């Protein structure tokens, strides 16, 4: 499946959304800072 970059400053959102996406078989990379996500 897809690799998804997930960016949000709320770690609770990152955790819940990434868990849902991983349960569907996706690989998820999480970032709390937009600049780090683009690096």
N, C-alpha and C. Protein backbone atom coordinates (compact mmCIF):
# COMPACT_ATOMS: atom_id res chain seq x y z
N UNK A 1 0.83 -1.18 0.00
CA UNK A 1 0.00 0.00 0.00
C UNK A 1 0.88 1.25 0.00
N UNK A 2 0.25 2.38 0.22
CA UNK A 2 0.92 3.68 0.13
C UNK A 2 1.71 4.01 1.40
N UNK A 3 2.72 4.85 1.22
CA UNK A 3 3.40 5.48 2.35
C UNK A 3 2.84 6.89 2.46
N UNK A 4 2.37 7.23 3.64
CA UNK A 4 1.68 8.50 3.86
C UNK A 4 2.46 9.34 4.86
N UNK A 5 2.70 10.61 4.51
CA UNK A 5 3.31 11.57 5.43
C UNK A 5 2.17 12.31 6.12
N UNK A 6 2.16 12.25 7.42
CA UNK A 6 1.11 12.87 8.22
C UNK A 6 1.73 13.97 9.07
N UNK A 7 1.23 15.20 8.94
CA UNK A 7 1.79 16.35 9.65
C UNK A 7 0.70 17.00 10.49
N UNK A 8 0.95 17.13 11.79
CA UNK A 8 0.03 17.84 12.68
C UNK A 8 0.79 18.19 13.95
N UNK A 9 0.47 19.32 14.55
CA UNK A 9 1.15 19.70 15.78
C UNK A 9 0.53 19.06 17.02
N UNK A 10 -0.56 18.34 16.85
CA UNK A 10 -1.22 17.64 17.95
C UNK A 10 -0.85 16.16 17.89
N UNK A 11 -0.04 15.72 18.85
CA UNK A 11 0.44 14.34 18.83
C UNK A 11 -0.69 13.33 19.00
N UNK A 12 -1.77 13.70 19.67
CA UNK A 12 -2.91 12.79 19.81
C UNK A 12 -3.56 12.52 18.46
N UNK A 13 -3.66 13.55 17.64
CA UNK A 13 -4.21 13.39 16.28
C UNK A 13 -3.29 12.49 15.47
N UNK A 14 -1.98 12.76 15.55
CA UNK A 14 -1.02 11.94 14.80
C UNK A 14 -1.14 10.47 15.17
N UNK A 15 -1.24 10.21 16.45
CA UNK A 15 -1.33 8.82 16.92
C UNK A 15 -2.60 8.14 16.42
N UNK A 16 -3.75 8.79 16.60
CA UNK A 16 -4.99 8.12 16.21
C UNK A 16 -5.12 7.95 14.71
N UNK A 17 -4.74 8.97 13.94
CA UNK A 17 -4.87 8.85 12.49
C UNK A 17 -3.85 7.84 11.95
N UNK A 18 -2.62 7.87 12.47
CA UNK A 18 -1.62 6.92 11.97
C UNK A 18 -2.00 5.49 12.32
N UNK A 19 -2.58 5.27 13.49
CA UNK A 19 -3.01 3.92 13.85
C UNK A 19 -4.11 3.43 12.91
N UNK A 20 -5.04 4.30 12.57
CA UNK A 20 -6.12 3.92 11.66
C UNK A 20 -5.57 3.60 10.27
N UNK A 21 -4.65 4.41 9.79
CA UNK A 21 -4.07 4.18 8.46
C UNK A 21 -3.22 2.91 8.44
N UNK A 22 -2.45 2.68 9.50
CA UNK A 22 -1.63 1.46 9.57
C UNK A 22 -2.52 0.22 9.64
N UNK A 23 -3.65 0.32 10.31
CA UNK A 23 -4.58 -0.81 10.38
C UNK A 23 -5.13 -1.18 9.01
N UNK A 24 -5.15 -0.20 8.10
CA UNK A 24 -5.59 -0.44 6.73
C UNK A 24 -4.44 -0.90 5.83
N UNK A 25 -3.23 -1.02 6.40
CA UNK A 25 -2.11 -1.55 5.65
C UNK A 25 -1.15 -0.52 5.10
N UNK A 26 -1.35 0.75 5.42
CA UNK A 26 -0.47 1.80 4.92
C UNK A 26 0.73 1.97 5.84
N UNK A 27 1.81 2.47 5.28
CA UNK A 27 2.98 2.86 6.06
C UNK A 27 2.84 4.36 6.31
N UNK A 28 3.05 4.79 7.56
CA UNK A 28 2.82 6.19 7.92
C UNK A 28 4.07 6.78 8.55
N UNK A 29 4.48 7.93 8.06
CA UNK A 29 5.55 8.71 8.68
C UNK A 29 4.91 9.94 9.29
N UNK A 30 5.14 10.16 10.58
CA UNK A 30 4.49 11.28 11.27
C UNK A 30 5.50 12.38 11.59
N UNK A 31 5.01 13.61 11.52
CA UNK A 31 5.82 14.79 11.80
C UNK A 31 4.99 15.79 12.58
N UNK A 32 5.60 16.43 13.59
CA UNK A 32 4.90 17.47 14.34
C UNK A 32 5.27 18.87 13.85
N UNK A 33 6.13 18.93 12.85
CA UNK A 33 6.61 20.20 12.33
C UNK A 33 6.65 20.13 10.81
N UNK A 34 6.01 21.06 10.15
CA UNK A 34 5.96 21.06 8.69
C UNK A 34 7.32 21.15 8.04
N UNK A 35 8.23 21.92 8.64
CA UNK A 35 9.58 22.07 8.08
C UNK A 35 10.32 20.73 8.09
N UNK A 36 10.15 19.97 9.16
CA UNK A 36 10.80 18.65 9.23
C UNK A 36 10.20 17.69 8.22
N UNK A 37 8.92 17.81 7.98
CA UNK A 37 8.26 16.94 7.00
C UNK A 37 8.78 17.20 5.60
N UNK A 38 9.12 18.44 5.31
CA UNK A 38 9.60 18.80 3.97
C UNK A 38 11.10 18.61 3.80
N UNK A 39 11.82 18.37 4.88
CA UNK A 39 13.28 18.22 4.81
C UNK A 39 13.69 16.92 4.15
